[in-house]
PDB file of N, CA and C in Angstrom:
ATOM      1  N   MET A   1      -4.248 -10.581   1.692  1.00  0.00           N
ATOM      2  CA  MET A   1      -3.430  -9.557   1.057  1.00  0.00           C
ATOM      3  C   MET A   1      -2.957  -8.523   2.069  1.00  0.00           C
ATOM      4  N   LYS A   2      -3.771  -8.283   3.069  1.00  0.00           N
ATOM      5  CA  LYS A   2      -3.423  -7.276   4.073  1.00  0.00           C
ATOM      6  C   LYS A   2      -2.102  -7.617   4.770  1.00  0.00           C
ATOM      7  N   GLU A   3      -1.922  -8.883   5.110  1.00  0.00           N
ATOM      8  CA  GLU A   3      -0.670  -9.294   5.772  1.00  0.00           C
ATOM      9  C   GLU A   3       0.520  -9.117   4.844  1.00  0.00           C
ATOM     10  N   ASP A   4       0.332  -9.432   3.553  1.00  0.00           N
ATOM     11  CA  ASP A   4       1.416  -9.254   2.579  1.00  0.00           C
ATOM     12  C   ASP A   4       1.792  -7.780   2.444  1.00  0.00           C
ATOM     13  N   LEU A   5       0.783  -6.917   2.419  1.00  0.00           N
ATOM     14  CA  LEU A   5       1.044  -5.478   2.356  1.00  0.00           C
ATOM     15  C   LEU A   5       1.808  -5.000   3.584  1.00  0.00           C
ATOM     16  N   GLN A   6       1.369  -5.485   4.747  1.00  0.00           N
ATOM     17  CA  GLN A   6       2.014  -5.105   6.010  1.00  0.00           C
ATOM     18  C   GLN A   6       3.488  -5.519   6.001  1.00  0.00           C
ATOM     19  N   LYS A   7       3.756  -6.738   5.562  1.00  0.00           N
ATOM     20  CA  LYS A   7       5.138  -7.227   5.494  1.00  0.00           C
ATOM     21  C   LYS A   7       5.960  -6.416   4.495  1.00  0.00           C
ATOM     22  N   PHE A   8       5.356  -6.083   3.357  1.00  0.00           N
ATOM     23  CA  PHE A   8       6.073  -5.303   2.347  1.00  0.00           C
ATOM     24  C   PHE A   8       6.432  -3.922   2.879  1.00  0.00           C
ATOM     25  N   VAL A   9       5.458  -3.253   3.483  1.00  0.00           N
ATOM     26  CA  VAL A   9       5.708  -1.914   4.022  1.00  0.00           C
ATOM     27  C   VAL A   9       6.791  -1.963   5.092  1.00  0.00           C
ATOM     28  N   ASN A  10       6.645  -2.872   6.043  1.00  0.00           N
ATOM     29  CA  ASN A  10       7.614  -2.944   7.142  1.00  0.00           C
ATOM     30  C   ASN A  10       8.981  -3.449   6.689  1.00  0.00           C
ATOM     31  N   GLY A  11       8.999  -4.378   5.742  1.00  0.00           N
ATOM     32  CA  GLY A  11      10.267  -4.961   5.317  1.00  0.00           C
ATOM     33  C   GLY A  11      10.976  -4.196   4.222  1.00  0.00           C
ATOM     34  N   SER A  12      10.220  -3.747   3.207  1.00  0.00           N
ATOM     35  CA  SER A  12      10.847  -3.110   2.052  1.00  0.00           C
ATOM     36  C   SER A  12      10.899  -1.593   2.144  1.00  0.00           C
ATOM     37  N   LEU A  13       9.798  -0.982   2.543  1.00  0.00           N
ATOM     38  CA  LEU A  13       9.794   0.484   2.610  1.00  0.00           C
ATOM     39  C   LEU A  13      10.501   0.995   3.859  1.00  0.00           C
ATOM     40  N   LEU A  14      10.282   0.315   4.977  1.00  0.00           N
ATOM     41  CA  LEU A  14      10.947   0.722   6.222  1.00  0.00           C
ATOM     42  C   LEU A  14      12.253  -0.038   6.447  1.00  0.00           C
ATOM     43  N   ARG A  15      12.487  -1.033   5.621  1.00  0.00           N
ATOM     44  CA  ARG A  15      13.693  -1.860   5.693  1.00  0.00           C
ATOM     45  C   ARG A  15      13.885  -2.474   7.077  1.00  0.00           C
ATOM     46  N   GLY A  16      12.768  -2.799   7.725  1.00  0.00           N
ATOM     47  CA  GLY A  16      12.824  -3.477   9.019  1.00  0.00           C
ATOM     48  C   GLY A  16      13.306  -2.624  10.168  1.00  0.00           C
ATOM     49  N   SER A  17      13.548  -1.326   9.918  1.00  0.00           N
ATOM     50  CA  SER A  17      14.077  -0.475  10.980  1.00  0.00           C
ATOM     51  C   SER A  17      13.025  -0.125  12.026  1.00  0.00           C
ATOM     52  N   GLU A  18      11.771  -0.138  11.625  1.00  0.00           N
ATOM     53  CA  GLU A  18      10.667   0.115  12.531  1.00  0.00           C
ATOM     54  C   GLU A  18       9.439  -0.560  11.948  1.00  0.00           C
ATOM     55  N   GLN A  19       8.351  -0.517  12.656  1.00  0.00           N
ATOM     56  CA  GLN A  19       7.124  -1.165  12.217  1.00  0.00           C
ATOM     57  C   GLN A  19       5.980  -0.162  12.250  1.00  0.00           C
ATOM     58  N   VAL A  20       4.993  -0.347  11.367  1.00  0.00           N
ATOM     59  CA  VAL A  20       3.780   0.449  11.411  1.00  0.00           C
ATOM     60  C   VAL A  20       2.591  -0.481  11.551  1.00  0.00           C
ATOM     61  N   ASP A  21       1.553  -0.004  12.206  1.00  0.00           N
ATOM     62  CA  ASP A  21       0.310  -0.749  12.314  1.00  0.00           C
ATOM     63  C   ASP A  21      -0.478  -0.587  11.025  1.00  0.00           C
ATOM     64  N   SER A  22      -1.427  -1.478  10.799  1.00  0.00           N
ATOM     65  CA  SER A  22      -2.180  -1.458   9.546  1.00  0.00           C
ATOM     66  C   SER A  22      -3.046  -0.212   9.387  1.00  0.00           C
ATOM     67  N   ASN A  23      -3.414   0.437  10.489  1.00  0.00           N
ATOM     68  CA  ASN A  23      -4.255   1.634  10.394  1.00  0.00           C
ATOM     69  C   ASN A  23      -3.460   2.933  10.559  1.00  0.00           C
ATOM     70  N   GLU A  24      -2.163   2.815  10.694  1.00  0.00           N
ATOM     71  CA  GLU A  24      -1.306   3.989  10.899  1.00  0.00           C
ATOM     72  C   GLU A  24      -1.072   4.725   9.579  1.00  0.00           C
ATOM     73  N   SER A  25      -1.077   6.038   9.617  1.00  0.00           N
ATOM     74  CA  SER A  25      -0.905   6.839   8.411  1.00  0.00           C
ATOM     75  C   SER A  25       0.534   6.773   7.903  1.00  0.00           C
ATOM     76  N   LEU A  26       0.678   6.167   6.738  1.00  0.00           N
ATOM     77  CA  LEU A  26       2.000   6.059   6.113  1.00  0.00           C
ATOM     78  C   LEU A  26       2.433   7.401   5.543  1.00  0.00           C
ATOM     79  N   LEU A  27       1.475   8.218   5.184  1.00  0.00           N
ATOM     80  CA  LEU A  27       1.786   9.539   4.629  1.00  0.00           C
ATOM     81  C   LEU A  27       2.279  10.482   5.714  1.00  0.00           C
ATOM     82  N   GLU A  28       1.574  10.508   6.848  1.00  0.00           N
ATOM     83  CA  GLU A  28       1.981  11.376   7.953  1.00  0.00           C
ATOM     84  C   GLU A  28       3.335  10.971   8.523  1.00  0.00           C
ATOM     85  N   ARG A  29       3.610   9.676   8.539  1.00  0.00           N
ATOM     86  CA  ARG A  29       4.894   9.189   9.057  1.00  0.00           C
ATOM     87  C   ARG A  29       6.030   9.366   8.060  1.00  0.00           C
ATOM     88  N   GLY A  30       5.699   9.729   6.832  1.00  0.00           N
ATOM     89  CA  GLY A  30       6.728   9.905   5.813  1.00  0.00           C
ATOM     90  C   GLY A  30       7.274   8.601   5.276  1.00  0.00           C
ATOM     91  N   VAL A  31       6.508   7.531   5.412  1.00  0.00           N
ATOM     92  CA  VAL A  31       6.948   6.211   4.947  1.00  0.00           C
ATOM     93  C   VAL A  31       6.915   6.140   3.429  1.00  0.00           C
ATOM     94  N   ILE A  32       5.910   6.777   2.830  1.00  0.00           N
ATOM     95  CA  ILE A  32       5.733   6.717   1.380  1.00  0.00           C
ATOM     96  C   ILE A  32       6.177   8.020   0.741  1.00  0.00           C
ATOM     97  N   ASP A  33       7.111   7.900  -0.190  1.00  0.00           N
ATOM     98  CA  ASP A  33       7.479   9.013  -1.056  1.00  0.00           C
ATOM     99  C   ASP A  33       7.127   8.580  -2.473  1.00  0.00           C
ATOM    100  N   SER A  34       7.537   9.319  -3.480  1.00  0.00           N
ATOM    101  CA  SER A  34       7.158   8.975  -4.853  1.00  0.00           C
ATOM    102  C   SER A  34       7.714   7.611  -5.275  1.00  0.00           C
ATOM    103  N   VAL A  35       8.924   7.301  -4.871  1.00  0.00           N
ATOM    104  CA  VAL A  35       9.517   6.002  -5.197  1.00  0.00           C
ATOM    105  C   VAL A  35       8.787   4.891  -4.446  1.00  0.00           C
ATOM    106  N   GLY A  36       8.503   5.131  -3.184  1.00  0.00           N
ATOM    107  CA  GLY A  36       7.773   4.150  -2.386  1.00  0.00           C
ATOM    108  C   GLY A  36       6.391   3.878  -2.940  1.00  0.00           C
ATOM    109  N   LEU A  37       5.735   4.915  -3.447  1.00  0.00           N
ATOM    110  CA  LEU A  37       4.413   4.744  -4.047  1.00  0.00           C
ATOM    111  C   LEU A  37       4.502   3.859  -5.281  1.00  0.00           C
ATOM    112  N   MET A  38       5.497   4.091  -6.103  1.00  0.00           N
ATOM    113  CA  MET A  38       5.677   3.255  -7.297  1.00  0.00           C
ATOM    114  C   MET A  38       5.966   1.809  -6.911  1.00  0.00           C
ATOM    115  N   GLN A  39       6.756   1.600  -5.865  1.00  0.00           N
ATOM    116  CA  GLN A  39       7.037   0.245  -5.391  1.00  0.00           C
ATOM    117  C   GLN A  39       5.762  -0.436  -4.893  1.00  0.00           C
ATOM    118  N   LEU A  40       4.939   0.297  -4.166  1.00  0.00           N
ATOM    119  CA  LEU A  40       3.678  -0.251  -3.672  1.00  0.00           C
ATOM    120  C   LEU A  40       2.745  -0.621  -4.817  1.00  0.00           C
ATOM    121  N   ILE A  41       2.615   0.245  -5.788  1.00  0.00           N
ATOM    122  CA  ILE A  41       1.748  -0.023  -6.940  1.00  0.00           C
ATOM    123  C   ILE A  41       2.226  -1.281  -7.655  1.00  0.00           C
ATOM    124  N   GLU A  42       3.519  -1.368  -7.906  1.00  0.00           N
ATOM    125  CA  GLU A  42       4.083  -2.543  -8.585  1.00  0.00           C
ATOM    126  C   GLU A  42       3.852  -3.804  -7.762  1.00  0.00           C
ATOM    127  N   PHE A  43       4.070  -3.725  -6.449  1.00  0.00           N
ATOM    128  CA  PHE A  43       3.857  -4.872  -5.575  1.00  0.00           C
ATOM    129  C   PHE A  43       2.403  -5.335  -5.629  1.00  0.00           C
ATOM    130  N   ILE A  44       1.470  -4.400  -5.488  1.00  0.00           N
ATOM    131  CA  ILE A  44       0.051  -4.745  -5.492  1.00  0.00           C
ATOM    132  C   ILE A  44      -0.364  -5.351  -6.831  1.00  0.00           C
ATOM    133  N   GLU A  45       0.047  -4.716  -7.920  1.00  0.00           N
ATOM    134  CA  GLU A  45      -0.343  -5.218  -9.241  1.00  0.00           C
ATOM    135  C   GLU A  45       0.278  -6.580  -9.531  1.00  0.00           C
ATOM    136  N   ASP A  46       1.537  -6.767  -9.171  1.00  0.00           N
ATOM    137  CA  ASP A  46       2.191  -8.066  -9.389  1.00  0.00           C
ATOM    138  C   ASP A  46       1.565  -9.156  -8.529  1.00  0.00           C
ATOM    139  N   ARG A  47       1.291  -8.838  -7.284  1.00  0.00           N
ATOM    140  CA  ARG A  47       0.791  -9.823  -6.330  1.00  0.00           C
ATOM    141  C   ARG A  47      -0.656 -10.218  -6.601  1.00  0.00           C
ATOM    142  N   THR A  48      -1.469  -9.244  -7.041  1.00  0.00           N
ATOM    143  CA  THR A  48      -2.894  -9.507  -7.205  1.00  0.00           C
ATOM    144  C   THR A  48      -3.310  -9.776  -8.646  1.00  0.00           C
ATOM    145  N   GLY A  49      -2.487  -9.358  -9.604  1.00  0.00           N
ATOM    146  CA  GLY A  49      -2.873  -9.476 -10.999  1.00  0.00           C
ATOM    147  C   GLY A  49      -3.852  -8.391 -11.425  1.00  0.00           C
ATOM    148  N   LEU A  50      -4.114  -7.452 -10.528  1.00  0.00           N
ATOM    149  CA  LEU A  50      -5.012  -6.335 -10.820  1.00  0.00           C
ATOM    150  C   LEU A  50      -4.214  -5.160 -11.348  1.00  0.00           C
ATOM    151  N   ARG A  51      -4.894  -4.307 -12.100  1.00  0.00           N
ATOM    152  CA  ARG A  51      -4.291  -3.042 -12.500  1.00  0.00           C
ATOM    153  C   ARG A  51      -5.021  -1.945 -11.739  1.00  0.00           C
ATOM    154  N   ILE A  52      -4.248  -1.075 -11.116  1.00  0.00           N
ATOM    155  CA  ILE A  52      -4.845   0.033 -10.382  1.00  0.00           C
ATOM    156  C   ILE A  52      -5.082   1.176 -11.359  1.00  0.00           C
ATOM    157  N   PRO A  53      -6.345   1.515 -11.602  1.00  0.00           N
ATOM    158  CA  PRO A  53      -6.631   2.606 -12.541  1.00  0.00           C
ATOM    159  C   PRO A  53      -6.097   3.940 -12.025  1.00  0.00           C
ATOM    160  N   ASP A  54      -5.759   4.801 -12.955  1.00  0.00           N
ATOM    161  CA  ASP A  54      -5.193   6.103 -12.601  1.00  0.00           C
ATOM    162  C   ASP A  54      -6.071   6.882 -11.624  1.00  0.00           C
ATOM    163  N   GLN A  55      -7.393   6.788 -11.761  1.00  0.00           N
ATOM    164  CA  GLN A  55      -8.279   7.561 -10.888  1.00  0.00           C
ATOM    165  C   GLN A  55      -8.220   7.088  -9.438  1.00  0.00           C
ATOM    166  N   LEU A  56      -7.677   5.904  -9.186  1.00  0.00           N
ATOM    167  CA  LEU A  56      -7.537   5.418  -7.811  1.00  0.00           C
ATOM    168  C   LEU A  56      -6.171   5.733  -7.207  1.00  0.00           C
ATOM    169  N   LEU A  57      -5.300   6.329  -7.992  1.00  0.00           N
ATOM    170  CA  LEU A  57      -3.963   6.692  -7.506  1.00  0.00           C
ATOM    171  C   LEU A  57      -4.019   8.032  -6.777  1.00  0.00           C
ATOM    172  N   VAL A  58      -4.735   8.024  -5.661  1.00  0.00           N
ATOM    173  CA  VAL A  58      -4.906   9.213  -4.834  1.00  0.00           C
ATOM    174  C   VAL A  58      -4.408   8.911  -3.424  1.00  0.00           C
ATOM    175  N   PRO A  59      -3.963   9.921  -2.696  1.00  0.00           N
ATOM    176  CA  PRO A  59      -3.396   9.695  -1.360  1.00  0.00           C
ATOM    177  C   PRO A  59      -4.299   8.901  -0.424  1.00  0.00           C
ATOM    178  N   GLU A  60      -5.606   9.127  -0.495  1.00  0.00           N
ATOM    179  CA  GLU A  60      -6.522   8.432   0.424  1.00  0.00           C
ATOM    180  C   GLU A  60      -6.418   6.911   0.307  1.00  0.00           C
ATOM    181  N   ASN A  61      -6.143   6.405  -0.897  1.00  0.00           N
ATOM    182  CA  ASN A  61      -6.068   4.961  -1.100  1.00  0.00           C
ATOM    183  C   ASN A  61      -4.748   4.352  -0.637  1.00  0.00           C
ATOM    184  N   PHE A  62      -3.766   5.195  -0.331  1.00  0.00           N
ATOM    185  CA  PHE A  62      -2.447   4.707   0.085  1.00  0.00           C
ATOM    186  C   PHE A  62      -2.048   5.241   1.460  1.00  0.00           C
ATOM    187  N   ARG A  63      -3.005   5.800   2.191  1.00  0.00           N
ATOM    188  CA  ARG A  63      -2.684   6.419   3.480  1.00  0.00           C
ATOM    189  C   ARG A  63      -2.298   5.393   4.541  1.00  0.00           C
ATOM    190  N   SER A  64      -2.789   4.151   4.399  1.00  0.00           N
ATOM    191  CA  SER A  64      -2.475   3.099   5.365  1.00  0.00           C
ATOM    192  C   SER A  64      -2.603   1.741   4.701  1.00  0.00           C
ATOM    193  N   VAL A  65      -2.115   0.722   5.377  1.00  0.00           N
ATOM    194  CA  VAL A  65      -2.266  -0.645   4.879  1.00  0.00           C
ATOM    195  C   VAL A  65      -3.751  -0.979   4.786  1.00  0.00           C
ATOM    196  N   ASP A  66      -4.532  -0.578   5.773  1.00  0.00           N
ATOM    197  CA  ASP A  66      -5.976  -0.827   5.748  1.00  0.00           C
ATOM    198  C   ASP A  66      -6.621  -0.190   4.519  1.00  0.00           C
ATOM    199  N   ALA A  67      -6.237   1.047   4.193  1.00  0.00           N
ATOM    200  CA  ALA A  67      -6.810   1.745   3.036  1.00  0.00           C
ATOM    201  C   ALA A  67      -6.443   1.031   1.733  1.00  0.00           C
ATOM    202  N   MET A  68      -5.205   0.572   1.617  1.00  0.00           N
ATOM    203  CA  MET A  68      -4.793  -0.153   0.407  1.00  0.00           C
ATOM    204  C   MET A  68      -5.547  -1.473   0.288  1.00  0.00           C
ATOM    205  N   ASP A  69      -5.722  -2.162   1.401  1.00  0.00           N
ATOM    206  CA  ASP A  69      -6.452  -3.423   1.398  1.00  0.00           C
ATOM    207  C   ASP A  69      -7.904  -3.195   0.972  1.00  0.00           C
ATOM    208  N   GLU A  70      -8.508  -2.134   1.456  1.00  0.00           N
ATOM    209  CA  GLU A  70      -9.892  -1.807   1.075  1.00  0.00           C
ATOM    210  C   GLU A  70      -9.973  -1.510  -0.432  1.00  0.00           C
ATOM    211  N   MET A  71      -9.004  -0.771  -0.950  1.00  0.00           N
ATOM    212  CA  MET A  71      -8.984  -0.471  -2.380  1.00  0.00           C
ATOM    213  C   MET A  71      -8.889  -1.756  -3.189  1.00  0.00           C
ATOM    214  N   ILE A  72      -8.025  -2.661  -2.771  1.00  0.00           N
ATOM    215  CA  ILE A  72      -7.857  -3.941  -3.480  1.00  0.00           C
ATOM    216  C   ILE A  72      -9.156  -4.748  -3.436  1.00  0.00           C
ATOM    217  N   GLN A  73      -9.790  -4.801  -2.271  1.00  0.00           N
ATOM    218  CA  GLN A  73     -11.054  -5.527  -2.157  1.00  0.00           C
ATOM    219  C   GLN A  73     -12.113  -4.924  -3.067  1.00  0.00           C
ATOM    220  N   ASN A  74     -12.154  -3.608  -3.171  1.00  0.00           N
ATOM    221  CA  ASN A  74     -13.112  -2.942  -4.054  1.00  0.00           C
ATOM    222  C   ASN A  74     -12.818  -3.223  -5.517  1.00  0.00           C
ATOM    223  N   LEU A  75     -11.543  -3.345  -5.871  1.00  0.00           N
ATOM    224  CA  LEU A  75     -11.182  -3.687  -7.256  1.00  0.00           C
ATOM    225  C   LEU A  75     -11.563  -5.127  -7.568  1.00  0.00           C
ATOM    226  N   ARG A  76     -11.417  -5.994  -6.616  1.00  0.00           N
ATOM    227  CA  ARG A  76     -11.771  -7.413  -6.820  1.00  0.00           C
ATOM    228  C   ARG A  76     -13.270  -7.629  -6.883  1.00  0.00           C
ATOM    229  N   ASN A  77     -14.018  -6.822  -6.149  1.00  0.00           N
ATOM    230  CA  ASN A  77     -15.466  -6.978  -6.056  1.00  0.00           C
ATOM    231  C   ASN A  77     -16.154  -5.657  -6.397  1.00  0.00           C
ATOM    232  N   PRO A  78     -16.148  -5.283  -7.679  1.00  0.00           N
ATOM    233  CA  PRO A  78     -16.715  -3.976  -8.060  1.00  0.00           C
ATOM    234  C   PRO A  78     -18.203  -3.853  -7.765  1.00  0.00           C
TER     235      PRO A  78
END
């Protein structure tokens, strides 16, 4: 899933204009705005079949590709 997230961020959110590393802060770089966050949530839920509970919709869980991957792994293996 981590590779899929990386491709989505670099291809859809950045539109291929630049690349981010999996541990790079998407928030500090300004990659994620409110629309981008909604796109990420939809992508993750569609791709994994998981629903992200409201209490997990916090900046720390979306700060990087690594953080999102960790959140997904925790949802899969509670």
